[in-house]
Amino acid sequence: MCDFESIKKRMKALETLIRETRDRLPAHSTKPPVMMELLDYEDEYEALAKQLDELKSKG
């Protein structure tokens, strides 16, 4: 996934996944598997955002 459009497309999908996962989190007694899933999505989103910034700065 190196081109600008594919990164943006994946980021859009991750935004949806993050939103849906946050909605599944209970107000109390957060379930570790759901929290780990959310953290994985957020980490991937941040990494893609960095890649996107690098592509923008190159040209």
C-alpha atoms as a PDB file:
ATOM      1  CA  MET A   1       0.000   0.000   0.000  1.00  0.00           C
ATOM      2  CA  CYS A   2       2.195   2.800  -1.227  1.00  0.00           C
ATOM      3  CA  ASP A   3       0.107   5.113  -3.325  1.00  0.00           C
ATOM      4  CA  PHE A   4      -1.809   8.107  -2.056  1.00  0.00           C
ATOM      5  CA  GLU A   5      -5.302   6.887  -2.977  1.00  0.00           C
ATOM      6  CA  SER A   6      -4.943   3.433  -1.439  1.00  0.00           C
ATOM      7  CA  ILE A   7      -3.669   4.948   1.808  1.00  0.00           C
ATOM      8  CA  LYS A   8      -6.591   7.378   1.940  1.00  0.00           C
ATOM      9  CA  LYS A   9      -9.038   4.556   1.203  1.00  0.00           C
ATOM     10  CA  ARG A  10      -7.630   2.383   4.021  1.00  0.00           C
ATOM     11  CA  MET A  11      -7.653   5.354   6.421  1.00  0.00           C
ATOM     12  CA  LYS A  12     -11.334   5.923   5.639  1.00  0.00           C
ATOM     13  CA  ALA A  13     -12.064   2.246   6.349  1.00  0.00           C
ATOM     14  CA  LEU A  14     -10.080   2.457   9.591  1.00  0.00           C
ATOM     15  CA  GLU A  15     -12.067   5.523  10.681  1.00  0.00           C
ATOM     16  CA  THR A  16     -15.230   3.439  10.355  1.00  0.00           C
ATOM     17  CA  LEU A  17     -13.688   0.483  12.183  1.00  0.00           C
ATOM     18  CA  ILE A  18     -12.449   2.724  15.000  1.00  0.00           C
ATOM     19  CA  ARG A  19     -15.862   4.345  15.372  1.00  0.00           C
ATOM     20  CA  GLU A  20     -17.655   0.976  15.394  1.00  0.00           C
ATOM     21  CA  THR A  21     -15.178  -0.517  17.862  1.00  0.00           C
ATOM     22  CA  ARG A  22     -15.527   2.456  20.217  1.00  0.00           C
ATOM     23  CA  ASP A  23     -19.294   2.001  20.076  1.00  0.00           C
ATOM     24  CA  ARG A  24     -18.827  -1.617  21.209  1.00  0.00           C
ATOM     25  CA  LEU A  25     -16.829  -0.608  24.271  1.00  0.00           C
ATOM     26  CA  PRO A  26     -18.922  -0.758  27.428  1.00  0.00           C
ATOM     27  CA  ALA A  27     -18.932   2.242  29.743  1.00  0.00           C
ATOM     28  CA  HIS A  28     -17.464   0.079  32.513  1.00  0.00           C
ATOM     29  CA  SER A  29     -15.348  -3.057  32.581  1.00  0.00           C
ATOM     30  CA  THR A  30     -13.736  -2.648  29.183  1.00  0.00           C
ATOM     31  CA  LYS A  31     -13.071  -5.989  27.536  1.00  0.00           C
ATOM     32  CA  PRO A  32      -9.367  -6.461  26.747  1.00  0.00           C
ATOM     33  CA  PRO A  33      -9.874  -8.041  23.286  1.00  0.00           C
ATOM     34  CA  VAL A  34     -12.040  -5.129  22.138  1.00  0.00           C
ATOM     35  CA  MET A  35      -9.572  -2.618  23.554  1.00  0.00           C
ATOM     36  CA  MET A  36      -6.655  -4.359  21.816  1.00  0.00           C
ATOM     37  CA  GLU A  37      -8.586  -4.309  18.543  1.00  0.00           C
ATOM     38  CA  LEU A  38      -9.183  -0.578  18.929  1.00  0.00           C
ATOM     39  CA  LEU A  39      -5.523   0.093  19.712  1.00  0.00           C
ATOM     40  CA  ASP A  40      -4.427  -1.931  16.666  1.00  0.00           C
ATOM     41  CA  TYR A  41      -6.729   0.097  14.393  1.00  0.00           C
ATOM     42  CA  GLU A  42      -5.523   3.376  15.880  1.00  0.00           C
ATOM     43  CA  ASP A  43      -1.870   2.352  15.500  1.00  0.00           C
ATOM     44  CA  GLU A  44      -2.398   1.409  11.863  1.00  0.00           C
ATOM     45  CA  TYR A  45      -4.228   4.688  11.242  1.00  0.00           C
ATOM     46  CA  GLU A  46      -1.338   6.693  12.728  1.00  0.00           C
ATOM     47  CA  ALA A  47       1.222   4.796  10.647  1.00  0.00           C
ATOM     48  CA  LEU A  48      -0.770   5.458   7.472  1.00  0.00           C
ATOM     49  CA  ALA A  49      -1.102   9.128   8.378  1.00  0.00           C
ATOM     50  CA  LYS A  50       2.701   9.331   8.615  1.00  0.00           C
ATOM     51  CA  GLN A  51       3.074   7.611   5.234  1.00  0.00           C
ATOM     52  CA  LEU A  52       0.587  10.041   3.728  1.00  0.00           C
ATOM     53  CA  ASP A  53       2.514  13.010   5.125  1.00  0.00           C
ATOM     54  CA  GLU A  54       5.741  11.632   3.678  1.00  0.00           C
ATOM     55  CA  LEU A  55       4.134  11.208   0.255  1.00  0.00           C
ATOM     56  CA  LYS A  56       2.772  14.760   0.381  1.00  0.00           C
ATOM     57  CA  SER A  57       6.158  16.201   1.299  1.00  0.00           C
ATOM     58  CA  LYS A  58       7.872  14.339  -1.561  1.00  0.00           C
ATOM     59  CA  GLY A  59       5.681  15.746  -4.221  1.00  0.00           C
END
